[in-house]
Amino acid sequence: MQLVSTLICPACGFAATETMPTDACQFFYDCQGCGIRLKPKPGDCCVFCSYGSVACPPVQADGTCCDKSGQA
């Protein structure tokens, strides 16, 4: 399982490599480049599934995305 993903901001293109949490989904992420707050695209559970180079750990493990409350 990969725990590091590179998030790419859709607004400015800034790329940041981050370690993903293994016990919950990350719903918000503040871009270090332009400061906008990223949130998941419709149908995705977390910012890593929407903007990351690697899907979140629950998706990697069994293909099941976390629910919208941020719990796996």
N, C-alpha and C. Protein backbone atom coordinates (compact mmCIF):
# COMPACT_ATOMS: atom_id res chain seq x y z
N MET A 1 0.84 -1.18 0.00
CA MET A 1 0.00 0.00 0.00
C MET A 1 0.89 1.24 0.00
N GLN A 2 0.54 2.20 -0.83
CA GLN A 2 1.26 3.46 -0.89
C GLN A 2 0.58 4.47 0.03
N LEU A 3 1.37 5.14 0.86
CA LEU A 3 0.81 6.11 1.80
C LEU A 3 1.18 7.54 1.46
N VAL A 4 1.93 7.73 0.37
CA VAL A 4 2.33 9.07 -0.06
C VAL A 4 1.70 9.33 -1.42
N SER A 5 1.11 10.52 -1.57
CA SER A 5 0.45 10.91 -2.81
C SER A 5 0.81 12.36 -3.11
N THR A 6 0.90 12.68 -4.38
CA THR A 6 1.15 14.06 -4.78
C THR A 6 -0.17 14.69 -5.19
N LEU A 7 -0.57 15.71 -4.44
CA LEU A 7 -1.79 16.46 -4.75
C LEU A 7 -1.44 17.57 -5.73
N ILE A 8 -2.24 17.71 -6.78
CA ILE A 8 -2.03 18.78 -7.76
C ILE A 8 -3.26 19.68 -7.76
N CYS A 9 -3.04 20.94 -7.45
CA CYS A 9 -4.12 21.91 -7.38
C CYS A 9 -4.69 22.17 -8.78
N PRO A 10 -6.01 22.04 -8.94
CA PRO A 10 -6.61 22.29 -10.25
C PRO A 10 -6.63 23.78 -10.61
N ALA A 11 -6.48 24.65 -9.63
CA ALA A 11 -6.53 26.09 -9.90
C ALA A 11 -5.19 26.64 -10.35
N CYS A 12 -4.10 26.24 -9.69
CA CYS A 12 -2.80 26.84 -10.00
C CYS A 12 -1.75 25.84 -10.46
N GLY A 13 -2.03 24.53 -10.32
CA GLY A 13 -1.09 23.51 -10.75
C GLY A 13 0.00 23.19 -9.74
N PHE A 14 -0.03 23.81 -8.56
CA PHE A 14 0.97 23.54 -7.53
C PHE A 14 0.88 22.08 -7.11
N ALA A 15 2.03 21.42 -7.00
CA ALA A 15 2.07 20.02 -6.58
C ALA A 15 2.71 19.91 -5.21
N ALA A 16 2.07 19.17 -4.32
CA ALA A 16 2.59 18.95 -2.97
C ALA A 16 2.50 17.47 -2.64
N THR A 17 3.60 16.91 -2.17
CA THR A 17 3.63 15.51 -1.78
C THR A 17 3.25 15.41 -0.30
N GLU A 18 2.23 14.60 -0.02
CA GLU A 18 1.68 14.50 1.33
C GLU A 18 1.53 13.04 1.73
N THR A 19 1.62 12.78 3.02
CA THR A 19 1.34 11.45 3.56
C THR A 19 -0.15 11.38 3.88
N MET A 20 -0.79 10.32 3.39
CA MET A 20 -2.23 10.16 3.59
C MET A 20 -2.53 9.54 4.94
N PRO A 21 -3.61 9.98 5.58
CA PRO A 21 -4.03 9.32 6.82
C PRO A 21 -4.54 7.93 6.51
N THR A 22 -4.32 7.00 7.42
CA THR A 22 -4.78 5.63 7.19
C THR A 22 -6.07 5.31 7.93
N ASP A 23 -6.47 6.19 8.85
CA ASP A 23 -7.64 5.91 9.67
C ASP A 23 -8.86 6.76 9.34
N ALA A 24 -8.72 7.67 8.37
CA ALA A 24 -9.84 8.54 7.97
C ALA A 24 -9.53 9.17 6.62
N CYS A 25 -10.55 9.63 5.95
CA CYS A 25 -10.36 10.33 4.69
C CYS A 25 -10.11 11.82 4.97
N GLN A 26 -9.36 12.45 4.09
CA GLN A 26 -9.11 13.88 4.25
C GLN A 26 -10.02 14.62 3.29
N PHE A 27 -10.99 15.33 3.84
CA PHE A 27 -12.01 15.98 3.03
C PHE A 27 -11.55 17.33 2.50
N PHE A 28 -10.74 18.06 3.26
CA PHE A 28 -10.26 19.38 2.82
C PHE A 28 -8.74 19.41 2.74
N TYR A 29 -8.23 20.24 1.85
CA TYR A 29 -6.79 20.48 1.75
C TYR A 29 -6.60 21.90 1.25
N ASP A 30 -5.79 22.67 1.96
CA ASP A 30 -5.49 24.05 1.54
C ASP A 30 -4.24 24.05 0.68
N CYS A 31 -4.37 24.51 -0.57
CA CYS A 31 -3.25 24.55 -1.51
C CYS A 31 -2.16 25.47 -0.97
N GLN A 32 -0.94 24.97 -0.98
CA GLN A 32 0.21 25.76 -0.53
C GLN A 32 0.65 26.78 -1.57
N GLY A 33 0.15 26.63 -2.80
CA GLY A 33 0.51 27.56 -3.86
C GLY A 33 -0.38 28.80 -3.91
N CYS A 34 -1.69 28.57 -4.02
CA CYS A 34 -2.60 29.70 -4.19
C CYS A 34 -3.54 29.91 -3.00
N GLY A 35 -3.58 28.95 -2.08
CA GLY A 35 -4.38 29.11 -0.87
C GLY A 35 -5.82 28.66 -0.96
N ILE A 36 -6.29 28.20 -2.13
CA ILE A 36 -7.69 27.77 -2.18
C ILE A 36 -7.87 26.47 -1.41
N ARG A 37 -9.08 26.24 -0.95
CA ARG A 37 -9.39 25.02 -0.22
C ARG A 37 -9.96 24.00 -1.20
N LEU A 38 -9.25 22.89 -1.33
CA LEU A 38 -9.73 21.81 -2.18
C LEU A 38 -10.69 20.94 -1.39
N LYS A 39 -11.71 20.45 -2.07
CA LYS A 39 -12.60 19.45 -1.49
C LYS A 39 -12.86 18.42 -2.57
N PRO A 40 -13.29 17.23 -2.20
CA PRO A 40 -13.46 16.15 -3.19
C PRO A 40 -14.44 16.52 -4.30
N LYS A 41 -14.17 15.97 -5.48
CA LYS A 41 -15.11 16.10 -6.59
C LYS A 41 -16.33 15.24 -6.28
N PRO A 42 -17.48 15.55 -6.88
CA PRO A 42 -18.67 14.73 -6.65
C PRO A 42 -18.39 13.25 -6.92
N GLY A 43 -18.77 12.40 -5.99
CA GLY A 43 -18.56 10.97 -6.13
C GLY A 43 -17.28 10.47 -5.50
N ASP A 44 -16.36 11.36 -5.17
CA ASP A 44 -15.12 10.98 -4.50
C ASP A 44 -15.25 11.22 -3.01
N CYS A 45 -14.48 10.46 -2.23
CA CYS A 45 -14.58 10.58 -0.77
C CYS A 45 -13.57 11.54 -0.18
N CYS A 46 -12.48 11.80 -0.89
CA CYS A 46 -11.43 12.62 -0.29
C CYS A 46 -10.62 13.34 -1.36
N VAL A 47 -9.81 14.28 -0.92
CA VAL A 47 -9.00 15.05 -1.85
C VAL A 47 -7.96 14.19 -2.56
N PHE A 48 -7.50 13.12 -1.92
CA PHE A 48 -6.51 12.25 -2.57
C PHE A 48 -7.13 11.49 -3.73
N CYS A 49 -8.37 11.08 -3.60
CA CYS A 49 -9.05 10.39 -4.70
C CYS A 49 -9.33 11.35 -5.86
N SER A 50 -9.54 12.62 -5.56
CA SER A 50 -9.86 13.60 -6.60
C SER A 50 -8.61 14.22 -7.25
N TYR A 51 -7.61 14.55 -6.45
CA TYR A 51 -6.48 15.34 -6.96
C TYR A 51 -5.12 14.70 -6.76
N GLY A 52 -5.08 13.51 -6.16
CA GLY A 52 -3.81 12.88 -5.85
C GLY A 52 -3.33 11.92 -6.92
N SER A 53 -2.04 11.63 -6.85
CA SER A 53 -1.42 10.67 -7.77
C SER A 53 -1.72 9.23 -7.35
N VAL A 54 -2.13 9.05 -6.10
CA VAL A 54 -2.47 7.74 -5.55
C VAL A 54 -3.78 7.87 -4.79
N ALA A 55 -4.67 6.91 -4.97
CA ALA A 55 -5.95 6.92 -4.24
C ALA A 55 -5.71 6.67 -2.76
N CYS A 56 -6.69 7.03 -1.95
CA CYS A 56 -6.58 6.89 -0.49
C CYS A 56 -6.44 5.42 -0.09
N PRO A 57 -5.90 5.16 1.12
CA PRO A 57 -5.69 3.78 1.57
C PRO A 57 -6.91 2.87 1.53
N PRO A 58 -8.12 3.32 1.92
CA PRO A 58 -9.27 2.40 1.81
C PRO A 58 -9.55 1.95 0.38
N VAL A 59 -9.39 2.83 -0.58
CA VAL A 59 -9.61 2.46 -1.98
C VAL A 59 -8.52 1.50 -2.45
N GLN A 60 -7.29 1.76 -2.04
CA GLN A 60 -6.20 0.85 -2.39
C GLN A 60 -6.43 -0.54 -1.79
N ALA A 61 -6.93 -0.58 -0.56
CA ALA A 61 -7.08 -1.85 0.15
C ALA A 61 -8.19 -2.73 -0.43
N ASP A 62 -9.37 -2.14 -0.64
CA ASP A 62 -10.48 -2.98 -1.08
C ASP A 62 -11.39 -2.33 -2.12
N GLY A 63 -10.97 -1.19 -2.65
CA GLY A 63 -11.77 -0.53 -3.68
C GLY A 63 -12.95 0.25 -3.15
N THR A 64 -13.11 0.28 -1.82
CA THR A 64 -14.24 0.97 -1.22
C THR A 64 -13.79 2.33 -0.70
N CYS A 65 -14.46 3.35 -1.15
CA CYS A 65 -14.13 4.70 -0.70
C CYS A 65 -14.75 4.94 0.66
N CYS A 66 -14.15 5.84 1.40
CA CYS A 66 -14.71 6.24 2.70
C CYS A 66 -16.08 6.88 2.46
N ASP A 67 -16.90 6.92 3.50
CA ASP A 67 -18.16 7.64 3.36
C ASP A 67 -17.93 9.13 3.54
N LYS A 68 -18.95 9.91 3.32
CA LYS A 68 -18.83 11.38 3.33
C LYS A 68 -18.55 11.95 4.71
N SER A 69 -18.69 11.16 5.76
CA SER A 69 -18.41 11.67 7.10
C SER A 69 -16.92 11.65 7.41
N GLY A 70 -16.13 11.07 6.49
CA GLY A 70 -14.70 11.01 6.72
C GLY A 70 -14.24 9.74 7.40
N GLN A 71 -15.15 8.79 7.56
CA GLN A 71 -14.80 7.52 8.18
C GLN A 71 -14.66 6.46 7.13
N ALA A 72 -13.70 5.57 7.32
CA ALA A 72 -13.46 4.48 6.37
C ALA A 72 -14.54 3.42 6.49
